[in-house]
């Protein structure tokens, strides 16, 4: 699938790469499932770059518009499951 990822022009190249990797993990969660620990690492790094909940929601919305993937249910599953779980999203 080809689409653009949301990011800020104020971020460093490394931060942009880290945010793109987070969104790729969200994609993978829908396509084949991801390990909870991998998702947690990527989400924690995303939160270091985007600490504000309002900004997070904005980037999540932009990503959903571009890709059709919804971040919130994946993050919610991650928080509700235990170590070793595979997080898999269901597409509508």
PDB file of N, CA and C in Angstrom:
ATOM      1  N   UNK A   1       0.844  -1.176   0.000  1.00  0.00           N
ATOM      2  CA  UNK A   1       0.000   0.000   0.000  1.00  0.00           C
ATOM      3  C   UNK A   1       0.890   1.240   0.000  1.00  0.00           C
ATOM      4  N   UNK A   2       0.487   2.256  -0.734  1.00  0.00           N
ATOM      5  CA  UNK A   2       1.302   3.457  -0.842  1.00  0.00           C
ATOM      6  C   UNK A   2       0.525   4.669  -0.335  1.00  0.00           C
ATOM      7  N   UNK A   3       1.054   5.273   0.710  1.00  0.00           N
ATOM      8  CA  UNK A   3       0.468   6.493   1.248  1.00  0.00           C
ATOM      9  C   UNK A   3       1.529   7.225   2.037  1.00  0.00           C
ATOM     10  N   UNK A   4       1.254   8.473   2.396  1.00  0.00           N
ATOM     11  CA  UNK A   4       2.248   9.239   3.153  1.00  0.00           C
ATOM     12  C   UNK A   4       1.916   9.196   4.645  1.00  0.00           C
ATOM     13  N   UNK A   5       2.958   9.281   5.429  1.00  0.00           N
ATOM     14  CA  UNK A   5       2.818   9.241   6.882  1.00  0.00           C
ATOM     15  C   UNK A   5       2.815  10.657   7.436  1.00  0.00           C
ATOM     16  N   UNK A   6       2.015  10.902   8.479  1.00  0.00           N
ATOM     17  CA  UNK A   6       2.008  12.246   9.074  1.00  0.00           C
ATOM     18  C   UNK A   6       3.273  12.475   9.903  1.00  0.00           C
ATOM     19  N   UNK A   7       3.825  13.680   9.799  1.00  0.00           N
ATOM     20  CA  UNK A   7       4.970  14.058  10.616  1.00  0.00           C
ATOM     21  C   UNK A   7       5.077  15.577  10.661  1.00  0.00           C
ATOM     22  N   UNK A   8       5.913  16.057  11.561  1.00  0.00           N
ATOM     23  CA  UNK A   8       6.140  17.495  11.711  1.00  0.00           C
ATOM     24  C   UNK A   8       7.459  17.877  11.051  1.00  0.00           C
ATOM     25  N   UNK A   9       7.479  19.017  10.399  1.00  0.00           N
ATOM     26  CA  UNK A   9       8.707  19.520   9.791  1.00  0.00           C
ATOM     27  C   UNK A   9       9.721  19.946  10.853  1.00  0.00           C
ATOM     28  N   UNK A  10       9.256  20.081  12.084  1.00  0.00           N
ATOM     29  CA  UNK A  10      10.141  20.481  13.182  1.00  0.00           C
ATOM     30  C   UNK A  10      10.934  19.301  13.749  1.00  0.00           C
ATOM     31  N   UNK A  11      10.583  18.093  13.394  1.00  0.00           N
ATOM     32  CA  UNK A  11      11.260  16.907  13.932  1.00  0.00           C
ATOM     33  C   UNK A  11      12.577  16.679  13.205  1.00  0.00           C
ATOM     34  N   UNK A  12      13.493  16.019  13.906  1.00  0.00           N
ATOM     35  CA  UNK A  12      14.750  15.604  13.284  1.00  0.00           C
ATOM     36  C   UNK A  12      14.469  14.417  12.360  1.00  0.00           C
ATOM     37  N   UNK A  13      15.446  14.100  11.530  1.00  0.00           N
ATOM     38  CA  UNK A  13      15.304  12.944  10.644  1.00  0.00           C
ATOM     39  C   UNK A  13      15.081  11.665  11.454  1.00  0.00           C
ATOM     40  N   UNK A  14      15.814  11.515  12.554  1.00  0.00           N
ATOM     41  CA  UNK A  14      15.667  10.324  13.405  1.00  0.00           C
ATOM     42  C   UNK A  14      14.262  10.241  13.995  1.00  0.00           C
ATOM     43  N   UNK A  15      13.716  11.374  14.403  1.00  0.00           N
ATOM     44  CA  UNK A  15      12.353  11.380  14.959  1.00  0.00           C
ATOM     45  C   UNK A  15      11.330  11.011  13.896  1.00  0.00           C
ATOM     46  N   UNK A  16      11.505  11.511  12.695  1.00  0.00           N
ATOM     47  CA  UNK A  16      10.586  11.166  11.598  1.00  0.00           C
ATOM     48  C   UNK A  16      10.648   9.662  11.331  1.00  0.00           C
ATOM     49  N   UNK A  17      11.848   9.113  11.289  1.00  0.00           N
ATOM     50  CA  UNK A  17      12.022   7.675  11.062  1.00  0.00           C
ATOM     51  C   UNK A  17      11.324   6.885  12.164  1.00  0.00           C
ATOM     52  N   UNK A  18      11.497   7.310  13.418  1.00  0.00           N
ATOM     53  CA  UNK A  18      10.881   6.599  14.545  1.00  0.00           C
ATOM     54  C   UNK A  18       9.356   6.646  14.477  1.00  0.00           C
ATOM     55  N   UNK A  19       8.790   7.785  14.102  1.00  0.00           N
ATOM     56  CA  UNK A  19       7.327   7.909  13.993  1.00  0.00           C
ATOM     57  C   UNK A  19       6.809   7.050  12.837  1.00  0.00           C
ATOM     58  N   UNK A  20       7.508   7.065  11.722  1.00  0.00           N
ATOM     59  CA  UNK A  20       7.112   6.222  10.588  1.00  0.00           C
ATOM     60  C   UNK A  20       7.158   4.748  10.996  1.00  0.00           C
ATOM     61  N   UNK A  21       8.186   4.349  11.742  1.00  0.00           N
ATOM     62  CA  UNK A  21       8.274   2.962  12.204  1.00  0.00           C
ATOM     63  C   UNK A  21       7.116   2.610  13.130  1.00  0.00           C
ATOM     64  N   UNK A  22       6.680   3.558  13.964  1.00  0.00           N
ATOM     65  CA  UNK A  22       5.513   3.312  14.816  1.00  0.00           C
ATOM     66  C   UNK A  22       4.282   3.053  13.949  1.00  0.00           C
ATOM     67  N   UNK A  23       4.054   3.907  12.952  1.00  0.00           N
ATOM     68  CA  UNK A  23       2.884   3.715  12.100  1.00  0.00           C
ATOM     69  C   UNK A  23       2.982   2.422  11.284  1.00  0.00           C
ATOM     70  N   UNK A  24       4.197   2.019  10.916  1.00  0.00           N
ATOM     71  CA  UNK A  24       4.370   0.738  10.214  1.00  0.00           C
ATOM     72  C   UNK A  24       3.985  -0.433  11.118  1.00  0.00           C
ATOM     73  N   UNK A  25       4.287  -0.334  12.417  1.00  0.00           N
ATOM     74  CA  UNK A  25       3.901  -1.389  13.358  1.00  0.00           C
ATOM     75  C   UNK A  25       2.372  -1.451  13.470  1.00  0.00           C
ATOM     76  N   UNK A  26       1.711  -0.302  13.444  1.00  0.00           N
ATOM     77  CA  UNK A  26       0.239  -0.280  13.453  1.00  0.00           C
ATOM     78  C   UNK A  26      -0.281  -1.011  12.204  1.00  0.00           C
ATOM     79  N   UNK A  27       0.295  -0.707  11.049  1.00  0.00           N
ATOM     80  CA  UNK A  27      -0.084  -1.409   9.812  1.00  0.00           C
ATOM     81  C   UNK A  27       0.090  -2.916   9.975  1.00  0.00           C
ATOM     82  N   UNK A  28       1.248  -3.306  10.478  1.00  0.00           N
ATOM     83  CA  UNK A  28       1.543  -4.729  10.651  1.00  0.00           C
ATOM     84  C   UNK A  28       0.566  -5.404  11.610  1.00  0.00           C
ATOM     85  N   UNK A  29       0.134  -4.666  12.623  1.00  0.00           N
ATOM     86  CA  UNK A  29      -0.843  -5.220  13.567  1.00  0.00           C
ATOM     87  C   UNK A  29      -2.125  -5.611  12.832  1.00  0.00           C
ATOM     88  N   UNK A  30      -2.526  -4.813  11.875  1.00  0.00           N
ATOM     89  CA  UNK A  30      -3.734  -5.131  11.106  1.00  0.00           C
ATOM     90  C   UNK A  30      -3.469  -6.229  10.077  1.00  0.00           C
ATOM     91  N   UNK A  31      -2.303  -6.223   9.481  1.00  0.00           N
ATOM     92  CA  UNK A  31      -2.029  -7.151   8.386  1.00  0.00           C
ATOM     93  C   UNK A  31      -1.665  -8.555   8.863  1.00  0.00           C
ATOM     94  N   UNK A  32      -0.829  -8.655   9.904  1.00  0.00           N
ATOM     95  CA  UNK A  32      -0.384  -9.989  10.314  1.00  0.00           C
ATOM     96  C   UNK A  32      -0.265 -10.167  11.820  1.00  0.00           C
ATOM     97  N   UNK A  33      -0.389  -9.093  12.585  1.00  0.00           N
ATOM     98  CA  UNK A  33      -0.226  -9.161  14.035  1.00  0.00           C
ATOM     99  C   UNK A  33       1.199  -8.812  14.427  1.00  0.00           C
ATOM    100  N   UNK A  34       1.367  -8.214  15.603  1.00  0.00           N
ATOM    101  CA  UNK A  34       2.690  -7.840  16.098  1.00  0.00           C
ATOM    102  C   UNK A  34       2.811  -8.227  17.566  1.00  0.00           C
ATOM    103  N   UNK A  35       4.039  -8.441  17.990  1.00  0.00           N
ATOM    104  CA  UNK A  35       4.285  -8.736  19.394  1.00  0.00           C
ATOM    105  C   UNK A  35       4.019  -7.486  20.221  1.00  0.00           C
ATOM    106  N   UNK A  36       3.384  -7.683  21.343  1.00  0.00           N
ATOM    107  CA  UNK A  36       3.037  -6.584  22.240  1.00  0.00           C
ATOM    108  C   UNK A  36       4.275  -5.759  22.598  1.00  0.00           C
ATOM    109  N   UNK A  37       5.383  -6.432  22.880  1.00  0.00           N
ATOM    110  CA  UNK A  37       6.602  -5.742  23.305  1.00  0.00           C
ATOM    111  C   UNK A  37       7.144  -4.832  22.205  1.00  0.00           C
ATOM    112  N   UNK A  38       7.098  -5.300  20.948  1.00  0.00           N
ATOM    113  CA  UNK A  38       7.551  -4.475  19.826  1.00  0.00           C
ATOM    114  C   UNK A  38       6.688  -3.218  19.714  1.00  0.00           C
ATOM    115  N   UNK A  39       5.386  -3.409  19.814  1.00  0.00           N
ATOM    116  CA  UNK A  39       4.464  -2.280  19.752  1.00  0.00           C
ATOM    117  C   UNK A  39       4.713  -1.306  20.902  1.00  0.00           C
ATOM    118  N   UNK A  40       4.942  -1.828  22.096  1.00  0.00           N
ATOM    119  CA  UNK A  40       5.185  -0.962  23.258  1.00  0.00           C
ATOM    120  C   UNK A  40       6.437  -0.103  23.074  1.00  0.00           C
ATOM    121  N   UNK A  41       7.498  -0.705  22.563  1.00  0.00           N
ATOM    122  CA  UNK A  41       8.738   0.044  22.332  1.00  0.00           C
ATOM    123  C   UNK A  41       8.494   1.178  21.334  1.00  0.00           C
ATOM    124  N   UNK A  42       7.820   0.863  20.247  1.00  0.00           N
ATOM    125  CA  UNK A  42       7.559   1.879  19.210  1.00  0.00           C
ATOM    126  C   UNK A  42       6.612   2.966  19.729  1.00  0.00           C
ATOM    127  N   UNK A  43       5.610   2.554  20.511  1.00  0.00           N
ATOM    128  CA  UNK A  43       4.658   3.537  21.041  1.00  0.00           C
ATOM    129  C   UNK A  43       5.338   4.447  22.069  1.00  0.00           C
ATOM    130  N   UNK A  44       6.169   3.890  22.920  1.00  0.00           N
ATOM    131  CA  UNK A  44       6.889   4.717  23.904  1.00  0.00           C
ATOM    132  C   UNK A  44       7.762   5.754  23.211  1.00  0.00           C
ATOM    133  N   UNK A  45       8.431   5.337  22.159  1.00  0.00           N
ATOM    134  CA  UNK A  45       9.267   6.288  21.406  1.00  0.00           C
ATOM    135  C   UNK A  45       8.385   7.344  20.742  1.00  0.00           C
ATOM    136  N   UNK A  46       7.267   6.943  20.178  1.00  0.00           N
ATOM    137  CA  UNK A  46       6.319   7.888  19.584  1.00  0.00           C
ATOM    138  C   UNK A  46       5.897   8.921  20.628  1.00  0.00           C
ATOM    139  N   UNK A  47       5.605   8.462  21.860  1.00  0.00           N
ATOM    140  CA  UNK A  47       5.160   9.370  22.929  1.00  0.00           C
ATOM    141  C   UNK A  47       6.282  10.311  23.383  1.00  0.00           C
ATOM    142  N   UNK A  48       7.536   9.920  23.245  1.00  0.00           N
ATOM    143  CA  UNK A  48       8.647  10.829  23.536  1.00  0.00           C
ATOM    144  C   UNK A  48       8.659  11.983  22.528  1.00  0.00           C
ATOM    145  N   UNK A  49       8.305  11.679  21.301  1.00  0.00           N
ATOM    146  CA  UNK A  49       8.304  12.674  20.230  1.00  0.00           C
ATOM    147  C   UNK A  49       7.017  13.488  20.248  1.00  0.00           C
ATOM    148  N   UNK A  50       5.892  12.819  20.554  1.00  0.00           N
ATOM    149  CA  UNK A  50       4.563  13.442  20.560  1.00  0.00           C
ATOM    150  C   UNK A  50       3.945  13.234  21.946  1.00  0.00           C
ATOM    151  N   UNK A  51       4.372  14.017  22.947  1.00  0.00           N
ATOM    152  CA  UNK A  51       3.867  13.794  24.306  1.00  0.00           C
ATOM    153  C   UNK A  51       2.425  14.256  24.535  1.00  0.00           C
ATOM    154  N   UNK A  52       1.955  15.193  23.760  1.00  0.00           N
ATOM    155  CA  UNK A  52       0.611  15.748  23.937  1.00  0.00           C
ATOM    156  C   UNK A  52      -0.461  14.804  23.393  1.00  0.00           C
ATOM    157  N   UNK A  53      -1.501  14.568  24.207  1.00  0.00           N
ATOM    158  CA  UNK A  53      -2.619  13.717  23.751  1.00  0.00           C
ATOM    159  C   UNK A  53      -3.341  14.353  22.559  1.00  0.00           C
ATOM    160  N   UNK A  54      -3.481  15.662  22.568  1.00  0.00           N
ATOM    161  CA  UNK A  54      -4.162  16.343  21.461  1.00  0.00           C
ATOM    162  C   UNK A  54      -3.380  16.149  20.153  1.00  0.00           C
ATOM    163  N   UNK A  55      -2.070  16.289  20.229  1.00  0.00           N
ATOM    164  CA  UNK A  55      -1.238  16.062  19.040  1.00  0.00           C
ATOM    165  C   UNK A  55      -1.302  14.606  18.597  1.00  0.00           C
ATOM    166  N   UNK A  56      -1.254  13.700  19.579  1.00  0.00           N
ATOM    167  CA  UNK A  56      -1.340  12.269  19.263  1.00  0.00           C
ATOM    168  C   UNK A  56      -2.617  11.990  18.487  1.00  0.00           C
ATOM    169  N   UNK A  57      -3.736  12.486  18.992  1.00  0.00           N
ATOM    170  CA  UNK A  57      -5.021  12.260  18.318  1.00  0.00           C
ATOM    171  C   UNK A  57      -5.009  12.831  16.908  1.00  0.00           C
ATOM    172  N   UNK A  58      -4.389  13.979  16.733  1.00  0.00           N
ATOM    173  CA  UNK A  58      -4.308  14.607  15.418  1.00  0.00           C
ATOM    174  C   UNK A  58      -3.496  13.748  14.445  1.00  0.00           C
ATOM    175  N   UNK A  59      -2.343  13.253  14.899  1.00  0.00           N
ATOM    176  CA  UNK A  59      -1.525  12.385  14.033  1.00  0.00           C
ATOM    177  C   UNK A  59      -2.240  11.070  13.748  1.00  0.00           C
ATOM    178  N   UNK A  60      -2.918  10.517  14.757  1.00  0.00           N
ATOM    179  CA  UNK A  60      -3.687   9.287  14.552  1.00  0.00           C
ATOM    180  C   UNK A  60      -4.777   9.501  13.505  1.00  0.00           C
ATOM    181  N   UNK A  61      -5.480  10.632  13.579  1.00  0.00           N
ATOM    182  CA  UNK A  61      -6.537  10.951  12.608  1.00  0.00           C
ATOM    183  C   UNK A  61      -5.962  11.072  11.200  1.00  0.00           C
ATOM    184  N   UNK A  62      -4.838  11.803  11.096  1.00  0.00           N
ATOM    185  CA  UNK A  62      -4.208  11.977   9.779  1.00  0.00           C
ATOM    186  C   UNK A  62      -3.780  10.635   9.201  1.00  0.00           C
ATOM    187  N   UNK A  63      -3.217   9.778  10.046  1.00  0.00           N
ATOM    188  CA  UNK A  63      -2.790   8.457   9.597  1.00  0.00           C
ATOM    189  C   UNK A  63      -3.993   7.630   9.138  1.00  0.00           C
ATOM    190  N   UNK A  64      -5.080   7.700   9.890  1.00  0.00           N
ATOM    191  CA  UNK A  64      -6.289   6.958   9.518  1.00  0.00           C
ATOM    192  C   UNK A  64      -6.835   7.427   8.171  1.00  0.00           C
ATOM    193  N   UNK A  65      -6.855   8.743   7.944  1.00  0.00           N
ATOM    194  CA  UNK A  65      -7.343   9.281   6.667  1.00  0.00           C
ATOM    195  C   UNK A  65      -6.506   8.777   5.495  1.00  0.00           C
ATOM    196  N   UNK A  66      -5.198   8.716   5.699  1.00  0.00           N
ATOM    197  CA  UNK A  66      -4.286   8.273   4.646  1.00  0.00           C
ATOM    198  C   UNK A  66      -4.354   6.772   4.397  1.00  0.00           C
ATOM    199  N   UNK A  67      -4.397   6.007   5.487  1.00  0.00           N
ATOM    200  CA  UNK A  67      -4.191   4.566   5.377  1.00  0.00           C
ATOM    201  C   UNK A  67      -5.441   3.711   5.588  1.00  0.00           C
ATOM    202  N   UNK A  68      -6.386   4.234   6.349  1.00  0.00           N
ATOM    203  CA  UNK A  68      -7.544   3.432   6.725  1.00  0.00           C
ATOM    204  C   UNK A  68      -7.325   2.632   7.997  1.00  0.00           C
ATOM    205  N   UNK A  69      -6.114   2.669   8.555  1.00  0.00           N
ATOM    206  CA  UNK A  69      -5.794   1.965   9.792  1.00  0.00           C
ATOM    207  C   UNK A  69      -6.083   2.864  10.992  1.00  0.00           C
ATOM    208  N   UNK A  70      -6.748   2.323  11.995  1.00  0.00           N
ATOM    209  CA  UNK A  70      -7.113   3.085  13.188  1.00  0.00           C
ATOM    210  C   UNK A  70      -6.161   2.690  14.316  1.00  0.00           C
ATOM    211  N   UNK A  71      -5.443   3.661  14.849  1.00  0.00           N
ATOM    212  CA  UNK A  71      -4.419   3.400  15.869  1.00  0.00           C
ATOM    213  C   UNK A  71      -5.013   3.055  17.231  1.00  0.00           C
ATOM    214  N   UNK A  72      -6.049   3.766  17.642  1.00  0.00           N
ATOM    215  CA  UNK A  72      -6.543   3.645  19.013  1.00  0.00           C
ATOM    216  C   UNK A  72      -6.877   2.210  19.429  1.00  0.00           C
ATOM    217  N   UNK A  73      -7.608   1.421  18.633  1.00  0.00           N
ATOM    218  CA  UNK A  73      -7.926   0.051  19.082  1.00  0.00           C
ATOM    219  C   UNK A  73      -6.679  -0.810  19.287  1.00  0.00           C
ATOM    220  N   UNK A  74      -5.643  -0.564  18.490  1.00  0.00           N
ATOM    221  CA  UNK A  74      -4.401  -1.335  18.624  1.00  0.00           C
ATOM    222  C   UNK A  74      -3.696  -0.950  19.926  1.00  0.00           C
ATOM    223  N   UNK A  75      -3.623   0.332  20.218  1.00  0.00           N
ATOM    224  CA  UNK A  75      -2.987   0.803  21.456  1.00  0.00           C
ATOM    225  C   UNK A  75      -3.782   0.309  22.660  1.00  0.00           C
ATOM    226  N   UNK A  76      -5.102   0.334  22.553  1.00  0.00           N
ATOM    227  CA  UNK A  76      -5.955  -0.142  23.651  1.00  0.00           C
ATOM    228  C   UNK A  76      -5.698  -1.625  23.924  1.00  0.00           C
ATOM    229  N   UNK A  77      -5.641  -2.437  22.868  1.00  0.00           N
ATOM    230  CA  UNK A  77      -5.353  -3.868  23.033  1.00  0.00           C
ATOM    231  C   UNK A  77      -3.989  -4.077  23.676  1.00  0.00           C
ATOM    232  N   UNK A  78      -3.013  -3.273  23.255  1.00  0.00           N
ATOM    233  CA  UNK A  78      -1.671  -3.383  23.812  1.00  0.00           C
ATOM    234  C   UNK A  78      -1.698  -3.162  25.321  1.00  0.00           C
ATOM    235  N   UNK A  79      -2.444  -2.154  25.753  1.00  0.00           N
ATOM    236  CA  UNK A  79      -2.507  -1.819  27.172  1.00  0.00           C
ATOM    237  C   UNK A  79      -3.275  -2.862  27.982  1.00  0.00           C
ATOM    238  N   UNK A  80      -4.200  -3.564  27.339  1.00  0.00           N
ATOM    239  CA  UNK A  80      -5.046  -4.526  28.038  1.00  0.00           C
ATOM    240  C   UNK A  80      -4.465  -5.939  28.082  1.00  0.00           C
ATOM    241  N   UNK A  81      -3.479  -6.218  27.242  1.00  0.00           N
ATOM    242  CA  UNK A  81      -2.938  -7.577  27.183  1.00  0.00           C
ATOM    243  C   UNK A  81      -1.674  -7.712  28.028  1.00  0.00           C
ATOM    244  N   UNK A  82      -1.248  -8.943  28.183  1.00  0.00           N
ATOM    245  CA  UNK A  82      -0.057  -9.232  28.985  1.00  0.00           C
ATOM    246  C   UNK A  82       1.140  -9.504  28.087  1.00  0.00           C
ATOM    247  N   UNK A  83       2.298  -9.581  28.704  1.00  0.00           N
ATOM    248  CA  UNK A  83       3.550  -9.817  27.978  1.00  0.00           C
ATOM    249  C   UNK A  83       3.453 -11.072  27.121  1.00  0.00           C
ATOM    250  N   UNK A  84       4.031 -10.984  25.930  1.00  0.00           N
ATOM    251  CA  UNK A  84       4.052 -12.129  25.030  1.00  0.00           C
ATOM    252  C   UNK A  84       2.865 -12.215  24.088  1.00  0.00           C
ATOM    253  N   UNK A  85       1.872 -11.372  24.285  1.00  0.00           N
ATOM    254  CA  UNK A  85       0.672 -11.402  23.448  1.00  0.00           C
ATOM    255  C   UNK A  85       0.973 -10.905  22.030  1.00  0.00           C
ATOM    256  N   UNK A  86       0.201 -11.400  21.085  1.00  0.00           N
ATOM    257  CA  UNK A  86       0.239 -10.903  19.721  1.00  0.00           C
ATOM    258  C   UNK A  86      -0.964  -9.975  19.550  1.00  0.00           C
ATOM    259  N   UNK A  87      -0.698  -8.758  19.108  1.00  0.00           N
ATOM    260  CA  UNK A  87      -1.759  -7.767  18.907  1.00  0.00           C
ATOM    261  C   UNK A  87      -2.152  -7.813  17.434  1.00  0.00           C
ATOM    262  N   UNK A  88      -3.430  -8.040  17.194  1.00  0.00           N
ATOM    263  CA  UNK A  88      -3.945  -8.134  15.832  1.00  0.00           C
ATOM    264  C   UNK A  88      -5.193  -7.281  15.728  1.00  0.00           C
ATOM    265  N   UNK A  89      -5.233  -6.442  14.724  1.00  0.00           N
ATOM    266  CA  UNK A  89      -6.391  -5.594  14.503  1.00  0.00           C
ATOM    267  C   UNK A  89      -7.325  -6.206  13.480  1.00  0.00           C
ATOM    268  N   UNK A  90      -8.594  -5.846  13.585  1.00  0.00           N
ATOM    269  CA  UNK A  90      -9.602  -6.311  12.626  1.00  0.00           C
ATOM    270  C   UNK A  90     -10.032  -5.143  11.754  1.00  0.00           C
ATOM    271  N   UNK A  91      -9.911  -5.298  10.454  1.00  0.00           N
ATOM    272  CA  UNK A  91     -10.317  -4.236   9.521  1.00  0.00           C
ATOM    273  C   UNK A  91     -11.802  -4.345   9.267  1.00  0.00           C
ATOM    274  N   UNK A  92     -12.424  -3.213   9.142  1.00  0.00           N
ATOM    275  CA  UNK A  92     -13.865  -3.183   8.842  1.00  0.00           C
ATOM    276  C   UNK A  92     -14.133  -3.397   7.383  1.00  0.00           C
TER     277      UNK A  92
END
